Amino acid sequence: MRVAEIFESINGEGPLAGQRALFVRFAGCNIRCSYCDTAWANEPGYQGMEMSVEAILAEVEKAQIRNITITGGEPLLQEELPQLLAALAGEGTHWIEIETNGSVDLTPFCNIAECISITMDYKLPGSGMEDAMCMKNFRLLKQTDSVKFVVGGMEDLARAGEVIRKENLQGRCHVFLSPVFGAIDPERIVDFIRENRLDRVNLGLQLHKIIWDPEQHGV
């Protein structure tokens, strides 16, 4: 498996924001978003570290952390990911969150174990990647899963509102509206939530970019 980095930090966003977590970041991605903040790990020539499932499990065991975040890049591209997830879940001590870009079919990853949740992006027009979205994924989401809309401007906000209503996301799963860092004032997103009566939609701020340098790796 192509691993870019494994590190301990706090979850910067999502339902477990602020909680201690171990991040396993995989290298490589199948899309190119305009605002990508891990482009360094997704370049065609970047190989990362080749690690076996057993080697990754050893790092997890050494860390002794409950929350495990599987991220990228696009982690669902790793052929051995189902085996890794099953092994992590089988230990019975972890809560596992998969962060995915929304373009890959979630079917093989939805029923591995109840301790696995999915945080799926929906790429809005500002990303340049909306056409890559796998729309059938919405039917697979459960209450412990999340959909994240990364918002770069008012057009993105309007489109996010359309998708939230069309897919009936409020109450089905966690929903987050997150600003592209530095591109839109979070207050505009709060106003949008209030004006559209989105009572079960969350403003998501990237805590790791507030606490540390936005360009810093391993946080």
Protein backbone atom coordinates (compact mmCIF):
# COMPACT_ATOMS: atom_id res chain seq x y z
CA MET A 1 0.00 0.00 0.00
CA ARG A 2 1.27 3.48 -0.87
CA VAL A 3 1.46 5.45 2.37
CA ALA A 4 2.33 9.13 2.38
CA GLU A 5 2.50 9.56 6.16
CA ILE A 6 1.26 8.20 9.49
CA PHE A 7 0.96 10.69 12.31
CA GLU A 8 -0.87 11.52 15.53
CA SER A 9 -2.90 14.72 15.81
CA ILE A 10 -6.48 15.79 16.48
CA ASN A 11 -9.32 15.42 14.02
CA GLY A 12 -9.48 18.82 12.35
CA GLU A 13 -13.07 18.50 11.15
CA GLY A 14 -16.10 16.24 11.10
CA PRO A 15 -18.11 14.64 13.92
CA LEU A 16 -14.97 13.90 15.96
CA ALA A 17 -13.37 17.35 15.50
CA GLY A 18 -10.96 18.08 18.32
CA GLN A 19 -10.49 14.43 19.34
CA ARG A 20 -7.12 12.68 19.32
CA ALA A 21 -6.61 10.52 16.25
CA LEU A 22 -4.03 8.55 14.30
CA PHE A 23 -3.97 9.48 10.62
CA VAL A 24 -2.98 7.03 7.91
CA ARG A 25 -2.61 9.08 4.73
CA PHE A 26 -2.34 7.22 1.44
CA ALA A 27 -0.64 8.64 -1.63
CA GLY A 28 -2.34 9.11 -4.98
CA CYS A 29 -5.65 10.54 -6.14
CA ASN A 30 -7.86 10.09 -9.20
CA ILE A 31 -9.08 13.70 -9.39
CA ARG A 32 -7.50 17.15 -9.12
CA CYS A 33 -9.44 19.72 -7.11
CA SER A 34 -8.58 23.39 -7.50
CA TYR A 35 -8.07 23.81 -3.74
CA CYS A 36 -6.29 20.52 -2.97
CA ASP A 37 -4.18 20.84 0.19
CA THR A 38 -2.37 17.50 -0.21
CA ALA A 39 -1.23 17.88 -3.81
CA TRP A 40 2.29 16.97 -2.72
CA ALA A 41 1.10 13.41 -2.00
CA ASN A 42 -0.85 13.07 -5.25
CA GLU A 43 1.69 13.94 -7.90
CA PRO A 44 2.26 11.12 -10.45
CA GLY A 45 5.94 10.81 -9.52
CA TYR A 46 5.36 10.67 -5.77
CA GLN A 47 5.69 7.09 -4.51
CA GLY A 48 5.41 7.49 -0.74
CA MET A 49 6.28 4.49 1.42
CA GLU A 50 5.38 0.97 0.33
CA MET A 51 3.88 -0.68 3.43
CA SER A 52 2.11 -3.98 3.94
CA VAL A 53 -1.16 -4.29 5.84
CA GLU A 54 0.81 -5.91 8.65
CA ALA A 55 3.28 -3.01 8.83
CA ILE A 56 0.46 -0.46 9.04
CA LEU A 57 -1.27 -2.50 11.76
CA ALA A 58 1.99 -2.51 13.71
CA GLU A 59 2.11 1.30 13.58
CA VAL A 60 -1.50 1.47 14.76
CA GLU A 61 -0.80 -0.93 17.62
CA LYS A 62 2.23 1.09 18.67
CA ALA A 63 0.23 4.35 18.76
CA GLN A 64 -2.52 3.03 21.09
CA ILE A 65 -5.12 5.53 19.81
CA ARG A 66 -8.85 4.78 19.53
CA ASN A 67 -9.72 7.01 16.54
CA ILE A 68 -8.13 6.02 13.24
CA THR A 69 -8.58 8.32 10.23
CA ILE A 70 -7.93 6.79 6.81
CA THR A 71 -7.29 9.60 4.35
CA GLY A 72 -5.40 10.65 1.24
CA GLY A 73 -5.23 11.44 -1.57
CA GLU A 74 -7.99 8.96 -2.25
CA PRO A 75 -7.61 5.96 0.07
CA LEU A 76 -10.27 3.86 -1.68
CA LEU A 77 -7.86 3.40 -4.59
CA GLN A 78 -5.68 1.11 -2.45
CA GLU A 79 -6.49 -2.48 -3.42
CA GLU A 80 -5.71 -3.86 0.03
CA LEU A 81 -7.82 -1.31 1.91
CA PRO A 82 -10.71 -3.75 2.64
CA GLN A 83 -8.24 -6.13 4.29
CA LEU A 84 -6.76 -3.31 6.38
CA LEU A 85 -10.20 -2.10 7.46
CA ALA A 86 -11.33 -5.60 8.40
CA ALA A 87 -8.18 -6.13 10.45
CA LEU A 88 -8.56 -2.80 12.26
CA ALA A 89 -12.22 -3.46 12.96
CA GLY A 90 -11.46 -6.97 14.15
CA GLU A 91 -9.36 -5.64 17.01
CA GLY A 92 -12.56 -4.24 18.55
CA THR A 93 -10.91 -1.16 20.04
CA HIS A 94 -10.97 1.38 17.20
CA TRP A 95 -13.37 3.83 15.61
CA ILE A 96 -12.34 4.12 11.97
CA GLU A 97 -13.19 7.08 9.74
CA ILE A 98 -12.58 6.93 5.99
CA GLU A 99 -12.21 10.26 4.19
CA THR A 100 -13.07 9.90 0.50
CA ASN A 101 -13.46 12.36 -2.36
CA GLY A 102 -16.87 11.13 -3.51
CA SER A 103 -15.82 9.81 -6.91
CA VAL A 104 -15.30 6.14 -5.98
CA ASP A 105 -18.10 3.61 -5.46
CA LEU A 106 -18.55 3.05 -1.71
CA THR A 107 -20.27 -0.33 -2.05
CA PRO A 108 -17.24 -2.52 -1.13
CA PHE A 109 -16.59 -0.46 2.03
CA CYS A 110 -20.05 0.02 3.53
CA ASN A 111 -20.68 -3.25 5.35
CA ILE A 112 -17.29 -4.28 6.68
CA ALA A 113 -18.04 -3.32 10.31
CA GLU A 114 -20.22 -0.97 12.35
CA CYS A 115 -17.16 0.77 13.78
CA ILE A 116 -16.33 2.22 10.34
CA SER A 117 -17.79 5.54 9.24
CA ILE A 118 -17.39 7.32 5.93
CA THR A 119 -16.85 11.04 5.39
CA MET A 120 -17.62 11.67 1.74
CA ASP A 121 -16.90 14.91 -0.07
CA TYR A 122 -19.26 16.29 -2.65
CA LYS A 123 -17.16 18.36 -5.03
CA LEU A 124 -18.87 21.66 -5.82
CA PRO A 125 -18.41 23.71 -9.03
CA GLY A 126 -15.47 25.66 -7.61
CA SER A 127 -13.46 22.45 -7.29
CA GLY A 128 -13.66 21.79 -11.04
CA MET A 129 -14.48 18.15 -10.25
CA GLU A 130 -18.25 17.98 -9.78
CA ASP A 131 -18.68 15.82 -12.90
CA ALA A 132 -16.55 13.11 -11.26
CA MET A 133 -18.99 12.51 -8.40
CA CYS A 134 -20.46 9.02 -7.96
CA MET A 135 -24.06 9.98 -7.26
CA LYS A 136 -25.23 6.49 -6.24
CA ASN A 137 -23.05 6.81 -3.14
CA PHE A 138 -25.74 8.95 -1.51
CA ARG A 139 -28.01 5.90 -1.29
CA LEU A 140 -25.37 4.02 0.70
CA LEU A 141 -24.86 6.51 3.53
CA LYS A 142 -25.96 5.73 7.09
CA GLN A 143 -26.51 7.99 10.11
CA THR A 144 -22.93 7.67 11.35
CA ASP A 145 -21.56 8.77 7.96
CA SER A 146 -20.95 12.35 6.83
CA VAL A 147 -21.13 14.43 3.68
CA LYS A 148 -18.77 17.40 3.44
CA PHE A 149 -19.23 20.28 1.02
CA VAL A 150 -16.07 22.39 0.63
CA VAL A 151 -17.26 25.86 -0.32
CA GLY A 152 -15.25 28.43 -2.25
CA GLY A 153 -17.94 31.06 -2.88
CA MET A 154 -21.64 31.83 -3.15
CA GLU A 155 -22.14 29.65 -6.25
CA ASP A 156 -20.78 26.69 -4.32
CA LEU A 157 -23.08 27.45 -1.38
CA ALA A 158 -26.14 27.58 -3.62
CA ARG A 159 -25.21 24.26 -5.25
CA ALA A 160 -24.60 22.66 -1.84
CA GLY A 161 -28.09 23.71 -0.77
CA GLU A 162 -29.56 22.11 -3.91
CA VAL A 163 -27.77 18.80 -3.29
CA ILE A 164 -28.71 18.74 0.41
CA ARG A 165 -32.38 19.15 -0.49
CA LYS A 166 -32.38 16.82 -3.52
CA GLU A 167 -30.67 13.99 -1.65
CA ASN A 168 -32.64 14.63 1.56
CA LEU A 169 -29.42 14.64 3.57
CA GLN A 170 -30.62 16.42 6.71
CA GLY A 171 -31.19 13.77 9.34
CA ARG A 172 -29.88 10.94 7.13
CA CYS A 173 -26.24 11.60 8.00
CA HIS A 174 -23.96 14.34 9.30
CA VAL A 175 -23.69 17.29 6.90
CA PHE A 176 -20.90 19.88 6.91
CA LEU A 177 -20.36 23.10 4.98
CA SER A 178 -16.64 23.91 5.13
CA PRO A 179 -14.91 26.96 3.65
CA VAL A 180 -11.97 26.68 1.28
CA PHE A 181 -9.37 28.10 3.66
CA GLY A 182 -9.08 31.84 3.04
CA ALA A 183 -11.51 31.87 0.09
CA ILE A 184 -14.80 32.70 1.83
CA ASP A 185 -15.63 34.23 5.19
CA PRO A 186 -17.21 31.54 7.42
CA GLU A 187 -19.78 34.16 8.42
CA ARG A 188 -21.24 33.93 4.90
CA ILE A 189 -21.77 30.21 5.41
CA VAL A 190 -23.46 30.83 8.77
CA ASP A 191 -25.77 33.36 7.10
CA PHE A 192 -26.61 30.79 4.41
CA ILE A 193 -27.42 28.14 7.02
CA ARG A 194 -29.70 30.56 8.88
CA GLU A 195 -31.42 31.97 5.80
CA ASN A 196 -32.14 28.50 4.41
CA ARG A 197 -33.23 27.03 7.76
CA LEU A 198 -30.69 24.23 7.55
CA ASP A 199 -31.16 23.10 11.14
CA ARG A 200 -29.17 19.87 10.80
CA VAL A 201 -26.25 21.21 8.79
CA ASN A 202 -22.97 22.06 10.50
CA LEU A 203 -20.40 24.74 9.80
CA GLY A 204 -17.11 22.86 9.55
CA LEU A 205 -13.86 24.71 10.23
CA GLN A 206 -10.49 23.04 9.69
CA LEU A 207 -9.09 23.24 13.22
CA HIS A 208 -5.66 22.02 12.14
CA LYS A 209 -5.31 25.03 9.83
CA ILE A 210 -6.31 27.39 12.63
CA ILE A 211 -3.99 25.85 15.22
CA TRP A 212 -0.97 25.27 12.98
CA ASP A 213 0.46 26.74 9.77
CA PRO A 214 -2.03 25.87 6.99
CA GLU A 215 0.82 24.44 4.88
CA GLN A 216 2.29 22.25 7.63
CA HIS A 217 2.33 18.47 7.09
CA GLY A 218 1.70 15.86 9.75
CA VAL A 219 -0.90 17.78 11.74
